[in-house]
Amino acid sequence: MKKLLVLLLSVLVATAAPLAEAAAKKQSEQATSTKVVAKSKHHKHAGKRQKKTVAKASRHTSHKHVAHRKHAVKADVTANAPAAVSEPVVARIPVAAPVVSIQPANASPADLKLSQALERTPQSATQETPNTANLDLRSAAVLVVDQKTGKALYAKNPDMQTPIASITKLMTSLVVLEAGQSLSEQITVSDADVDRLKYTTSRLPVGTTLTRAELMHLALIASENRAAAALARSYPGGRDACIKAMNRKAAELGMTHTHYVDGTGLNSGNQSTAADLAKLVNVASGNPTIHQITSTGEYGIDLPGYQMVKIRQHGKTRRVSREVERRVAFHNTNALTRNPDWEIGLSKTGFINEAGHCLVMQTNIAGRKVIMVLLDSVGKFSRIGDANRVRSWLEGGGRET
């Protein structure tokens, strides 16, 4: 019996051992499979995270690159854009500023008192009137001065050097008069007086003989270029000596930014500033001859000409040309000299393309003598408009507008 029980127990143990081993093996395989799956899932999620990270990094890099390009483009546009136009810096002229004495030669004590030095304005690219009034003037450079005190009443670019065209003829006439040449001397217009720079026309034919006084009238009133050229040519020592005298006189008057190269103003090398020209007007207006001539509205002279006339000869009538004297009227290039509302003591206009339209005057406005310089104005009539605007402003008390 015991042997039977031992045998059955042995059989059961032998049968159970393989089953337990198989079960353990299966459990081990399941555990391993679970680990592999878990690891696979981990790698899969890790891969997704890595892809997301790479995509995010790529997007960040892309945005950063785009932002950098935008910044670079903006910087390039800014660097190549034209500089912004800023408002001109206003340099005010002090009302109580000292003046520099510039007096006409041989002036009486009374004249010296009334013709005090014109104020030398500070050098600046842009300047405005002491109270910064805006008169909307078309002239690029303007200076209005109280002639008695020498104080600037209105200023706009007074130190801007620019060609001055026929304003030059004021200095030409001044040095001719100061040379003491006879005004009754006969001078013949020659081929040397013909304009071969701008090829301007003239009403004075070559061969016309006029007195020095007549030539000066035509040069200052009608701005006749041949008349001015003849005045310079007939100066003691000739044209070159006249130009030297003009520059010497400019230096004497303290016109430090003025230079002359001819006596007509046709050459754009004749340059000055509004501040310098105010000094010239101050002195020239004190010269009785220049005062009388430049304030005249028109002037007439007799010039040789030809006229067709009918004559009867040998019973027949025919037309022949005969030389006759004809009266020719020359009008002042400044129409204000013919306006009775204006009291003008000196006037001179100028124009070449390089200089624009220019006008200098000495006039009486609101009971005081005023020097007015208008340079490089746009449009034929704009200098006259500017003069009227300045006058209205001064008559209104010079208040800000």
Protein backbone atom coordinates (compact mmCIF):
# COMPACT_ATOMS: atom_id res chain seq x y z
CA MET A 1 0.00 0.00 0.00
CA LYS A 2 2.77 2.35 0.88
CA LYS A 3 4.57 1.55 -2.28
CA LEU A 4 1.45 2.38 -4.29
CA LEU A 5 1.07 5.75 -2.60
CA VAL A 6 4.75 6.58 -3.21
CA LEU A 7 4.37 5.65 -6.87
CA LEU A 8 1.26 7.86 -7.34
CA LEU A 9 3.02 10.78 -5.60
CA SER A 10 6.02 10.41 -7.90
CA VAL A 11 3.79 10.41 -10.98
CA LEU A 12 1.98 13.57 -9.80
CA VAL A 13 5.26 15.38 -9.07
CA ALA A 14 6.65 14.41 -12.46
CA THR A 15 3.52 15.64 -14.22
CA ALA A 16 3.23 18.89 -12.21
CA ALA A 17 6.85 19.95 -12.74
CA PRO A 18 6.63 20.36 -16.55
CA LEU A 19 3.30 22.16 -16.23
CA ALA A 20 4.73 24.56 -13.65
CA GLU A 21 7.81 25.10 -15.79
CA ALA A 22 5.64 25.76 -18.84
CA ALA A 23 3.47 28.15 -16.87
CA ALA A 24 6.52 29.98 -15.55
CA LYS A 25 7.99 30.15 -19.04
CA LYS A 26 4.72 31.53 -20.45
CA GLN A 27 4.54 34.13 -17.63
CA SER A 28 8.15 35.08 -18.35
CA GLU A 29 7.44 35.41 -22.06
CA GLN A 30 4.36 37.54 -21.34
CA ALA A 31 6.39 39.79 -19.05
CA THR A 32 9.10 40.13 -21.69
CA SER A 33 6.50 40.92 -24.35
CA THR A 34 4.95 43.53 -22.10
CA LYS A 35 8.35 45.16 -21.56
CA VAL A 36 9.03 45.12 -25.32
CA VAL A 37 5.66 46.71 -26.07
CA ALA A 38 6.12 49.26 -23.31
CA LYS A 39 9.59 50.04 -24.59
CA SER A 40 8.27 50.27 -28.12
CA LYS A 41 5.52 52.62 -26.98
CA HIS A 42 8.11 54.66 -25.08
CA HIS A 43 10.29 54.93 -28.17
CA LYS A 44 7.23 55.79 -30.26
CA HIS A 45 6.19 58.59 -27.89
CA ALA A 46 9.78 59.72 -27.59
CA GLY A 47 9.98 59.83 -31.36
CA LYS A 48 6.80 61.94 -31.52
CA ARG A 49 8.17 64.27 -28.85
CA GLN A 50 11.43 64.52 -30.72
CA LYS A 51 9.60 65.33 -33.94
CA LYS A 52 7.55 67.97 -32.15
CA THR A 53 10.73 69.42 -30.65
CA VAL A 54 12.46 69.44 -34.03
CA ALA A 55 9.38 71.04 -35.67
CA LYS A 56 9.14 73.65 -32.93
CA ALA A 57 12.86 74.37 -33.18
CA SER A 58 12.53 74.59 -36.95
CA ARG A 59 9.60 77.00 -36.68
CA HIS A 60 11.50 79.12 -34.12
CA THR A 61 14.54 79.23 -36.36
CA SER A 62 12.37 80.11 -39.33
CA HIS A 63 10.58 82.92 -37.47
CA LYS A 64 13.87 84.19 -36.15
CA HIS A 65 15.33 84.19 -39.67
CA VAL A 66 12.29 85.97 -41.06
CA ALA A 67 12.43 88.52 -38.25
CA HIS A 68 16.11 89.05 -38.93
CA ARG A 69 15.40 89.53 -42.64
CA LYS A 70 12.64 92.01 -41.85
CA HIS A 71 14.98 93.93 -39.56
CA ALA A 72 17.72 93.86 -42.17
CA VAL A 73 15.34 95.08 -44.89
CA LYS A 74 14.07 97.84 -42.61
CA ALA A 75 17.61 98.90 -41.80
CA ASP A 76 18.53 98.88 -45.49
CA VAL A 77 15.48 100.96 -46.42
CA THR A 78 16.29 103.41 -43.64
CA ALA A 79 19.90 103.62 -44.70
CA ASN A 80 18.98 104.28 -48.35
CA ALA A 81 16.01 106.52 -47.71
CA PRO A 82 16.52 110.26 -48.38
CA ALA A 83 17.22 112.32 -45.30
CA ALA A 84 14.12 113.83 -43.77
CA VAL A 85 13.67 117.51 -44.56
CA SER A 86 13.69 119.34 -41.29
CA GLU A 87 12.42 122.81 -40.59
CA PRO A 88 15.12 125.44 -41.06
CA VAL A 89 16.81 126.52 -37.88
CA VAL A 90 15.80 130.07 -37.16
CA ALA A 91 18.64 132.33 -36.16
CA ARG A 92 17.10 135.48 -34.76
CA ILE A 93 18.74 138.83 -35.31
CA PRO A 94 18.80 140.69 -32.00
CA VAL A 95 16.87 143.94 -32.17
CA ALA A 96 19.48 145.75 -30.11
CA ALA A 97 22.46 144.31 -31.96
CA PRO A 98 25.40 146.63 -32.60
CA VAL A 99 26.01 148.00 -36.08
CA VAL A 100 29.14 148.36 -38.16
CA SER A 101 29.92 151.81 -39.54
CA ILE A 102 29.86 152.01 -43.34
CA GLN A 103 29.64 155.59 -44.51
CA PRO A 104 29.67 157.25 -47.94
CA ALA A 105 32.91 159.01 -48.78
CA ASN A 106 32.92 162.79 -48.20
CA ALA A 107 29.55 162.67 -46.43
CA SER A 108 28.46 165.51 -44.19
CA PRO A 109 27.99 164.92 -40.43
CA ALA A 110 24.21 164.93 -40.96
CA ASP A 111 24.50 162.34 -43.73
CA LEU A 112 26.78 160.24 -41.56
CA LYS A 113 24.16 160.22 -38.81
CA LEU A 114 21.33 159.26 -41.17
CA SER A 115 23.43 156.69 -43.07
CA GLN A 116 24.67 154.69 -40.12
CA ALA A 117 26.33 151.36 -40.56
CA LEU A 118 24.18 148.50 -41.66
CA GLU A 119 24.05 145.66 -39.23
CA ARG A 120 26.27 142.77 -40.13
CA THR A 121 24.06 139.75 -39.74
CA PRO A 122 25.59 136.54 -38.39
CA GLN A 123 26.65 133.93 -40.92
CA SER A 124 23.97 131.27 -41.24
CA ALA A 125 22.43 129.12 -43.92
CA THR A 126 18.94 130.26 -42.97
CA GLN A 127 17.82 133.28 -40.98
CA GLU A 128 14.46 134.82 -40.35
CA THR A 129 13.13 138.14 -39.13
CA PRO A 130 13.56 139.00 -35.42
CA ASN A 131 9.90 138.23 -34.68
CA THR A 132 9.77 135.30 -37.15
CA ALA A 133 6.93 136.81 -39.18
CA ASN A 134 6.06 134.75 -42.24
CA LEU A 135 5.36 137.01 -45.21
CA ASP A 136 5.25 134.17 -47.74
CA LEU A 137 7.87 135.87 -49.94
CA ARG A 138 8.92 134.26 -53.20
CA SER A 139 12.47 135.60 -53.04
CA ALA A 140 15.10 133.16 -51.76
CA ALA A 141 17.13 135.84 -49.98
CA VAL A 142 15.64 138.96 -48.39
CA LEU A 143 16.90 141.75 -46.19
CA VAL A 144 14.91 144.80 -45.10
CA VAL A 145 16.87 147.40 -43.13
CA ASP A 146 15.99 150.62 -41.35
CA GLN A 147 18.48 152.91 -43.07
CA LYS A 148 18.72 155.33 -40.16
CA THR A 149 19.54 152.78 -37.47
CA GLY A 150 21.04 150.05 -39.63
CA LYS A 151 18.83 147.46 -37.91
CA ALA A 152 17.41 144.48 -39.79
CA LEU A 153 13.60 144.63 -39.84
CA TYR A 154 13.19 141.42 -41.81
CA ALA A 155 15.77 138.85 -42.88
CA LYS A 156 15.69 135.62 -44.84
CA ASN A 157 18.97 134.01 -45.89
CA PRO A 158 20.76 137.39 -45.88
CA ASP A 159 24.20 135.75 -46.08
CA MET A 160 23.40 133.37 -48.95
CA GLN A 161 25.83 134.13 -51.77
CA THR A 162 24.17 134.13 -55.18
CA PRO A 163 24.63 135.64 -58.67
CA ILE A 164 23.24 139.18 -58.75
CA ALA A 165 22.81 139.83 -62.49
CA SER A 166 22.30 143.52 -63.37
CA ILE A 167 22.40 144.68 -59.76
CA THR A 168 26.10 144.75 -60.74
CA LYS A 169 25.46 147.95 -62.73
CA LEU A 170 25.04 149.89 -59.48
CA MET A 171 28.69 149.28 -58.58
CA THR A 172 29.81 149.92 -62.17
CA SER A 173 28.14 153.34 -62.12
CA LEU A 174 29.40 154.15 -58.62
CA VAL A 175 33.08 153.61 -59.47
CA VAL A 176 32.70 155.50 -62.76
CA LEU A 177 31.26 158.47 -60.87
CA GLU A 178 33.94 158.28 -58.18
CA ALA A 179 36.62 158.27 -60.88
CA GLY A 180 35.51 161.82 -61.72
CA GLN A 181 35.03 161.20 -65.45
CA SER A 182 33.13 163.81 -67.39
CA LEU A 183 29.46 162.93 -67.84
CA SER A 184 29.30 164.98 -71.04
CA GLU A 185 32.11 163.05 -72.78
CA GLN A 186 30.99 161.36 -76.00
CA ILE A 187 31.39 157.56 -76.08
CA THR A 188 30.72 155.39 -79.12
CA VAL A 189 29.25 151.91 -78.67
CA SER A 190 31.68 149.47 -80.25
CA ASP A 191 31.72 145.83 -81.25
CA ALA A 192 33.55 145.11 -77.98
CA ASP A 193 30.37 146.05 -76.10
CA VAL A 194 28.23 143.40 -77.81
CA ASP A 195 27.10 140.56 -75.51
CA ARG A 196 28.70 137.32 -76.69
CA LEU A 197 28.03 135.44 -73.44
CA LYS A 198 24.22 135.44 -73.22
CA TYR A 199 23.61 136.94 -76.67
CA THR A 200 21.14 139.48 -75.34
CA THR A 201 19.68 142.02 -77.74
CA SER A 202 20.13 145.77 -77.51
CA ARG A 203 18.43 148.89 -78.80
CA LEU A 204 21.82 150.54 -79.17
CA PRO A 205 23.35 149.72 -82.57
CA VAL A 206 27.12 149.49 -82.82
CA GLY A 207 28.34 152.95 -83.80
CA THR A 208 25.82 154.82 -81.64
CA THR A 209 27.46 157.78 -79.91
CA LEU A 210 26.06 158.99 -76.59
CA THR A 211 27.33 160.94 -73.63
CA ARG A 212 28.55 159.13 -70.53
CA ALA A 213 25.51 160.50 -68.69
CA GLU A 214 23.15 159.07 -71.31
CA LEU A 215 24.86 155.68 -71.15
CA MET A 216 24.56 155.68 -67.36
CA HIS A 217 20.86 156.50 -67.59
CA LEU A 218 20.29 153.58 -69.95
CA ALA A 219 22.40 151.20 -67.84
CA LEU A 220 20.61 152.02 -64.58
CA ILE A 221 17.07 152.66 -65.84
CA ALA A 222 16.65 150.17 -68.69
CA SER A 223 19.52 147.87 -67.65
CA GLU A 224 21.08 148.28 -71.12
CA ASN A 225 24.02 145.88 -71.29
CA ARG A 226 25.87 147.63 -74.11
CA ALA A 227 25.62 150.91 -72.21
CA ALA A 228 27.13 149.33 -69.08
CA ALA A 229 29.84 147.60 -71.13
CA ALA A 230 30.75 150.92 -72.74
CA LEU A 231 30.98 152.60 -69.31
CA ALA A 232 33.38 149.90 -68.07
CA ARG A 233 35.42 149.96 -71.29
CA SER A 234 35.85 153.74 -71.16
CA TYR A 235 36.93 153.71 -67.49
CA PRO A 236 40.49 155.02 -66.90
CA GLY A 237 42.72 152.03 -67.65
CA GLY A 238 39.97 150.14 -69.45
CA ARG A 239 37.58 147.36 -68.53
CA ASP A 240 40.03 145.39 -66.35
CA ALA A 241 40.82 148.48 -64.31
CA CYS A 242 37.10 149.08 -63.84
CA ILE A 243 36.55 145.53 -62.52
CA LYS A 244 39.46 145.95 -60.10
CA ALA A 245 37.97 149.23 -58.89
CA MET A 246 34.60 147.54 -58.34
CA ASN A 247 36.12 144.78 -56.21
CA ARG A 248 38.25 147.30 -54.35
CA LYS A 249 35.15 149.38 -53.57
CA ALA A 250 33.30 146.28 -52.39
CA ALA A 251 36.14 145.53 -49.96
CA GLU A 252 36.11 149.13 -48.78
CA LEU A 253 32.39 148.90 -48.00
CA GLY A 254 32.83 145.66 -46.06
CA MET A 255 31.13 143.56 -48.73
CA THR A 256 33.13 140.49 -47.78
CA HIS A 257 31.05 138.02 -49.78
CA THR A 258 30.94 139.99 -53.04
CA HIS A 259 32.95 139.46 -56.21
CA TYR A 260 32.73 141.11 -59.65
CA VAL A 261 34.03 139.79 -62.96
CA ASP A 262 32.32 142.15 -65.43
CA GLY A 263 30.49 145.47 -65.47
CA THR A 264 27.14 144.26 -66.81
CA GLY A 265 26.14 141.36 -64.57
CA LEU A 266 25.67 138.98 -67.50
CA ASN A 267 28.38 136.74 -66.06
CA SER A 268 27.10 134.60 -63.16
CA GLY A 269 30.50 135.06 -61.52
CA ASN A 270 29.21 138.41 -60.25
CA GLN A 271 28.03 137.27 -56.82
CA SER A 272 26.98 138.82 -53.55
CA THR A 273 24.62 138.49 -50.60
CA ALA A 274 21.57 140.45 -49.47
CA ALA A 275 23.56 141.75 -46.49
CA ASP A 276 26.38 142.98 -48.74
CA LEU A 277 24.04 144.60 -51.26
CA ALA A 278 22.26 146.49 -48.49
CA LYS A 279 25.61 148.17 -47.79
CA LEU A 280 26.00 149.07 -51.46
CA VAL A 281 22.45 150.49 -51.63
CA ASN A 282 23.10 152.47 -48.47
CA VAL A 283 26.09 154.21 -50.07
CA ALA A 284 24.76 154.46 -53.64
CA SER A 285 21.48 156.03 -52.50
CA GLY A 286 23.55 158.87 -51.04
CA ASN A 287 25.01 159.65 -54.46
CA PRO A 288 22.85 162.42 -56.02
CA THR A 289 23.40 161.23 -59.62
CA ILE A 290 22.50 157.60 -58.90
CA HIS A 291 19.54 158.71 -56.80
CA GLN A 292 18.20 160.92 -59.60
CA ILE A 293 18.73 158.37 -62.35
CA THR A 294 17.45 155.20 -60.66
CA SER A 295 14.30 156.82 -59.29
CA THR A 296 13.25 157.93 -62.80
CA GLY A 297 10.37 156.00 -64.36
CA GLU A 298 11.44 156.42 -67.99
CA TYR A 299 14.08 158.12 -70.08
CA GLY A 300 14.20 159.11 -73.74
CA ILE A 301 17.13 159.69 -76.07
CA ASP A 302 17.52 160.56 -79.73
CA LEU A 303 18.97 157.74 -81.77
CA PRO A 304 19.88 157.76 -85.45
CA GLY A 305 17.48 155.88 -87.64
CA TYR A 306 16.07 155.63 -91.11
CA GLN A 307 12.74 156.69 -92.49
CA MET A 308 11.18 156.05 -95.89
CA VAL A 309 10.05 159.29 -97.55
CA LYS A 310 8.52 160.14 -100.91
CA ILE A 311 10.36 162.50 -103.22
CA ARG A 312 9.44 163.81 -106.67
CA GLN A 313 12.26 164.01 -109.15
CA HIS A 314 12.19 164.55 -112.91
CA GLY A 315 8.42 164.40 -112.87
CA LYS A 316 8.37 161.04 -111.07
CA THR A 317 7.61 160.11 -107.43
CA ARG A 318 9.72 157.54 -105.68
CA ARG A 319 10.47 156.37 -102.13
CA VAL A 320 13.89 156.77 -100.61
CA SER A 321 15.41 156.01 -97.21
CA ARG A 322 16.76 158.95 -95.26
CA GLU A 323 18.69 159.04 -92.00
CA VAL A 324 16.74 160.78 -89.27
CA GLU A 325 16.88 161.31 -85.54
CA ARG A 326 14.17 159.42 -83.70
CA ARG A 327 13.15 159.70 -80.07
CA VAL A 328 13.35 156.36 -78.26
CA ALA A 329 11.81 155.88 -74.81
CA PHE A 330 13.43 153.55 -72.28
CA HIS A 331 11.27 152.47 -69.32
CA ASN A 332 12.57 151.69 -65.87
CA THR A 333 12.68 147.93 -65.38
CA ASN A 334 11.13 148.48 -61.93
CA ALA A 335 7.50 149.42 -62.56
CA LEU A 336 7.19 150.73 -58.97
CA THR A 337 9.20 153.81 -60.01
CA ARG A 338 6.16 154.85 -62.09
CA ASN A 339 3.73 154.22 -59.25
CA PRO A 340 2.90 157.46 -57.39
CA ASP A 341 2.11 155.47 -54.23
CA TRP A 342 5.79 154.59 -53.88
CA GLU A 343 8.48 157.05 -52.79
CA ILE A 344 11.66 155.51 -54.20
CA GLY A 345 15.13 156.96 -53.74
CA LEU A 346 17.06 154.18 -55.51
CA SER A 347 16.05 151.20 -57.59
CA LYS A 348 17.81 148.51 -59.62
CA THR A 349 16.58 145.23 -61.00
CA GLY A 350 18.47 142.24 -62.35
CA PHE A 351 17.84 138.95 -64.09
CA ILE A 352 19.75 136.07 -65.58
CA ASN A 353 18.73 132.43 -65.25
CA GLU A 354 21.40 131.74 -62.65
CA ALA A 355 20.37 134.69 -60.47
CA GLY A 356 16.59 134.63 -60.80
CA HIS A 357 14.69 137.91 -60.55
CA CYS A 358 16.37 140.45 -58.26
CA LEU A 359 15.45 143.89 -56.93
CA VAL A 360 17.14 146.37 -54.61
CA MET A 361 15.49 149.59 -53.46
CA GLN A 362 15.80 152.47 -51.08
CA THR A 363 12.32 153.75 -50.30
CA ASN A 364 10.25 155.57 -47.72
CA ILE A 365 7.68 153.40 -45.92
CA ALA A 366 5.58 154.47 -42.97
CA GLY A 367 7.69 157.58 -42.41
CA ARG A 368 11.11 155.92 -42.39
CA LYS A 369 13.77 155.22 -44.99
CA VAL A 370 14.08 151.54 -45.70
CA ILE A 371 16.56 149.51 -47.75
CA MET A 372 14.99 146.47 -49.37
CA VAL A 373 16.99 143.66 -51.04
CA LEU A 374 15.15 140.83 -52.81
CA LEU A 375 17.26 138.16 -54.53
CA ASP A 376 16.56 135.05 -56.58
CA SER A 377 12.80 135.45 -56.84
CA VAL A 378 10.73 133.01 -58.87
CA GLY A 379 8.61 134.56 -61.62
CA LYS A 380 8.87 137.85 -63.48
CA PHE A 381 6.49 139.78 -61.21
CA SER A 382 7.16 138.01 -57.91
CA ARG A 383 9.83 140.50 -56.79
CA ILE A 384 7.28 143.32 -57.17
CA GLY A 385 4.75 141.25 -55.23
CA ASP A 386 7.34 140.65 -52.50
CA ALA A 387 8.08 144.38 -52.28
CA ASN A 388 4.37 145.13 -51.87
CA ARG A 389 4.02 142.44 -49.20
CA VAL A 390 6.96 143.85 -47.24
CA ARG A 391 5.52 147.35 -47.53
CA SER A 392 2.08 146.26 -46.28
CA TRP A 393 3.74 144.44 -43.39
CA LEU A 394 5.77 147.50 -42.37
CA GLU A 395 2.77 149.82 -42.72
CA GLY A 396 0.88 147.48 -40.40
CA GLY A 397 3.54 147.95 -37.74
CA GLY A 398 5.67 144.96 -38.68
CA ARG A 399 3.55 142.65 -36.55
CA GLU A 400 3.75 138.86 -36.78
CA THR A 401 1.48 137.29 -39.38
